[in-house]
Amino acid sequence: MTDSELKVSNPRKADLEKLRRDLAKEVEGLREALKKSTEDIGGDHVWVGKNARAWHKELEGRNKKLRDQVDKLLPVIEAAIRCEPEKVSATEARMYHNSI
């Protein structure tokens, strides 16, 4: 890239920012995806007994793991956004578009 080459908005940064906005809308739903099932199985309303308790314990662990993983998504995307420059050369932008 030469200094005289036209600089354009970074399309990768734009895509990451869109991903972040879209994901932010879904995070709470993802975090709560197993909550009702966990509560139902653990509340002795849906299923009772030794197997129910074992399933409830398993589901509680999966629910916690899912929430923990979802909570890591936005910070990872935000870090990637911070690493991207605002502007890139037109050639770099074309190369990005051609690679997706």
C-alpha atoms as a PDB file:
ATOM      1  CA  MET A   1       0.000   0.000   0.000  1.00  0.00           C
ATOM      2  CA  THR A   2       1.290   3.429  -0.863  1.00  0.00           C
ATOM      3  CA  ASP A   3       0.584   6.586   1.108  1.00  0.00           C
ATOM      4  CA  SER A   4      -1.438   7.920  -1.812  1.00  0.00           C
ATOM      5  CA  GLU A   5      -3.766   4.923  -1.951  1.00  0.00           C
ATOM      6  CA  LEU A   6      -7.349   5.738  -1.092  1.00  0.00           C
ATOM      7  CA  LYS A   7      -8.414   4.870   2.447  1.00  0.00           C
ATOM      8  CA  VAL A   8     -11.920   3.513   3.021  1.00  0.00           C
ATOM      9  CA  SER A   9     -13.949   2.444   6.010  1.00  0.00           C
ATOM     10  CA  ASN A  10     -12.756  -0.889   7.346  1.00  0.00           C
ATOM     11  CA  PRO A  11     -15.386  -3.482   6.300  1.00  0.00           C
ATOM     12  CA  ARG A  12     -14.125  -6.057   8.793  1.00  0.00           C
ATOM     13  CA  LYS A  13     -14.587  -3.570  11.626  1.00  0.00           C
ATOM     14  CA  ALA A  14     -18.081  -2.773  10.332  1.00  0.00           C
ATOM     15  CA  ASP A  15     -18.946  -6.483  10.257  1.00  0.00           C
ATOM     16  CA  LEU A  16     -17.629  -6.992  13.787  1.00  0.00           C
ATOM     17  CA  GLU A  17     -19.623  -3.987  15.015  1.00  0.00           C
ATOM     18  CA  LYS A  18     -22.780  -5.390  13.403  1.00  0.00           C
ATOM     19  CA  LEU A  19     -22.079  -8.785  14.972  1.00  0.00           C
ATOM     20  CA  ARG A  20     -21.695  -7.095  18.348  1.00  0.00           C
ATOM     21  CA  ARG A  21     -25.004  -5.213  17.970  1.00  0.00           C
ATOM     22  CA  ASP A  22     -26.850  -8.336  16.818  1.00  0.00           C
ATOM     23  CA  LEU A  23     -25.376 -10.489  19.566  1.00  0.00           C
ATOM     24  CA  ALA A  24     -26.113  -7.887  22.240  1.00  0.00           C
ATOM     25  CA  LYS A  25     -29.811  -8.263  21.356  1.00  0.00           C
ATOM     26  CA  GLU A  26     -29.608 -12.033  21.856  1.00  0.00           C
ATOM     27  CA  VAL A  27     -27.343 -12.339  24.902  1.00  0.00           C
ATOM     28  CA  GLU A  28     -30.050 -12.332  27.549  1.00  0.00           C
ATOM     29  CA  GLY A  29     -32.064 -14.947  25.685  1.00  0.00           C
ATOM     30  CA  LEU A  30     -28.991 -17.123  25.338  1.00  0.00           C
ATOM     31  CA  ARG A  31     -28.098 -16.679  29.003  1.00  0.00           C
ATOM     32  CA  GLU A  32     -31.613 -17.733  30.020  1.00  0.00           C
ATOM     33  CA  ALA A  33     -32.021 -20.547  27.457  1.00  0.00           C
ATOM     34  CA  LEU A  34     -31.857 -23.385  30.000  1.00  0.00           C
ATOM     35  CA  LYS A  35     -33.148 -21.511  33.042  1.00  0.00           C
ATOM     36  CA  LYS A  36     -36.819 -22.530  32.812  1.00  0.00           C
ATOM     37  CA  SER A  37     -36.002 -26.160  32.028  1.00  0.00           C
ATOM     38  CA  THR A  38     -33.596 -26.258  34.967  1.00  0.00           C
ATOM     39  CA  GLU A  39     -36.209 -24.758  37.284  1.00  0.00           C
ATOM     40  CA  ASP A  40     -38.969 -27.051  35.988  1.00  0.00           C
ATOM     41  CA  ILE A  41     -36.982 -30.239  36.468  1.00  0.00           C
ATOM     42  CA  GLY A  42     -35.658 -29.109  39.835  1.00  0.00           C
ATOM     43  CA  GLY A  43     -38.990 -27.931  41.142  1.00  0.00           C
ATOM     44  CA  ASP A  44     -40.636 -31.364  41.453  1.00  0.00           C
ATOM     45  CA  HIS A  45     -43.436 -30.214  39.132  1.00  0.00           C
ATOM     46  CA  VAL A  46     -42.321 -31.923  35.950  1.00  0.00           C
ATOM     47  CA  TRP A  47     -40.389 -34.896  37.192  1.00  0.00           C
ATOM     48  CA  VAL A  48     -39.571 -36.282  40.634  1.00  0.00           C
ATOM     49  CA  GLY A  49     -37.241 -38.852  42.074  1.00  0.00           C
ATOM     50  CA  LYS A  50     -33.599 -39.816  42.000  1.00  0.00           C
ATOM     51  CA  ASN A  51     -33.242 -39.567  38.213  1.00  0.00           C
ATOM     52  CA  ALA A  52     -34.961 -36.185  38.207  1.00  0.00           C
ATOM     53  CA  ARG A  53     -32.510 -34.877  40.774  1.00  0.00           C
ATOM     54  CA  ALA A  54     -29.575 -36.224  38.736  1.00  0.00           C
ATOM     55  CA  TRP A  55     -30.906 -34.590  35.565  1.00  0.00           C
ATOM     56  CA  HIS A  56     -31.523 -31.347  37.443  1.00  0.00           C
ATOM     57  CA  LYS A  57     -27.954 -31.315  38.729  1.00  0.00           C
ATOM     58  CA  GLU A  58     -26.633 -31.997  35.204  1.00  0.00           C
ATOM     59  CA  LEU A  59     -28.841 -29.285  33.716  1.00  0.00           C
ATOM     60  CA  GLU A  60     -27.787 -26.796  36.397  1.00  0.00           C
ATOM     61  CA  GLY A  61     -24.154 -27.387  35.430  1.00  0.00           C
ATOM     62  CA  ARG A  62     -24.911 -26.974  31.748  1.00  0.00           C
ATOM     63  CA  ASN A  63     -26.930 -23.834  32.446  1.00  0.00           C
ATOM     64  CA  LYS A  64     -24.026 -22.309  34.369  1.00  0.00           C
ATOM     65  CA  LYS A  65     -21.539 -23.278  31.663  1.00  0.00           C
ATOM     66  CA  LEU A  66     -23.761 -21.792  28.951  1.00  0.00           C
ATOM     67  CA  ARG A  67     -24.124 -18.522  30.873  1.00  0.00           C
ATOM     68  CA  ASP A  68     -20.365 -18.358  31.473  1.00  0.00           C
ATOM     69  CA  GLN A  69     -19.613 -18.915  27.783  1.00  0.00           C
ATOM     70  CA  VAL A  70     -22.213 -16.385  26.624  1.00  0.00           C
ATOM     71  CA  ASP A  71     -20.773 -13.810  29.032  1.00  0.00           C
ATOM     72  CA  LYS A  72     -17.405 -14.158  27.262  1.00  0.00           C
ATOM     73  CA  LEU A  73     -18.739 -13.515  23.758  1.00  0.00           C
ATOM     74  CA  LEU A  74     -19.199  -9.737  23.783  1.00  0.00           C
ATOM     75  CA  PRO A  75     -15.808  -8.982  25.376  1.00  0.00           C
ATOM     76  CA  VAL A  76     -14.078 -11.124  22.726  1.00  0.00           C
ATOM     77  CA  ILE A  77     -15.853  -9.287  19.922  1.00  0.00           C
ATOM     78  CA  GLU A  78     -15.204  -5.904  21.539  1.00  0.00           C
ATOM     79  CA  ALA A  79     -11.484  -6.706  21.787  1.00  0.00           C
ATOM     80  CA  ALA A  80     -11.426  -7.660  18.104  1.00  0.00           C
ATOM     81  CA  ILE A  81     -13.147  -4.369  17.211  1.00  0.00           C
ATOM     82  CA  ARG A  82     -10.572  -2.374  19.192  1.00  0.00           C
ATOM     83  CA  CYS A  83      -7.765  -4.060  17.225  1.00  0.00           C
ATOM     84  CA  GLU A  84      -9.199  -3.006  13.882  1.00  0.00           C
ATOM     85  CA  PRO A  85      -8.226   0.311  12.290  1.00  0.00           C
ATOM     86  CA  GLU A  86     -10.999   2.723  11.289  1.00  0.00           C
ATOM     87  CA  LYS A  87      -9.723   2.977   7.718  1.00  0.00           C
ATOM     88  CA  VAL A  88      -7.936   0.531   5.427  1.00  0.00           C
ATOM     89  CA  SER A  89      -6.742   0.743   1.866  1.00  0.00           C
ATOM     90  CA  ALA A  90      -9.269   0.071  -0.870  1.00  0.00           C
ATOM     91  CA  THR A  91      -7.188  -2.985  -1.779  1.00  0.00           C
ATOM     92  CA  GLU A  92      -7.429  -4.370   1.756  1.00  0.00           C
ATOM     93  CA  ALA A  93     -11.179  -3.776   1.780  1.00  0.00           C
ATOM     94  CA  ARG A  94     -11.589  -5.613  -1.539  1.00  0.00           C
ATOM     95  CA  MET A  95      -9.450  -8.488  -0.282  1.00  0.00           C
ATOM     96  CA  TYR A  96     -11.632  -8.756   2.824  1.00  0.00           C
ATOM     97  CA  HIS A  97     -14.836  -8.766   0.780  1.00  0.00           C
ATOM     98  CA  ASN A  98     -13.410 -11.399  -1.551  1.00  0.00           C
ATOM     99  CA  SER A  99     -12.443 -13.634   1.363  1.00  0.00           C
ATOM    100  CA  ILE A 100     -15.943 -13.853   2.866  1.00  0.00           C
END
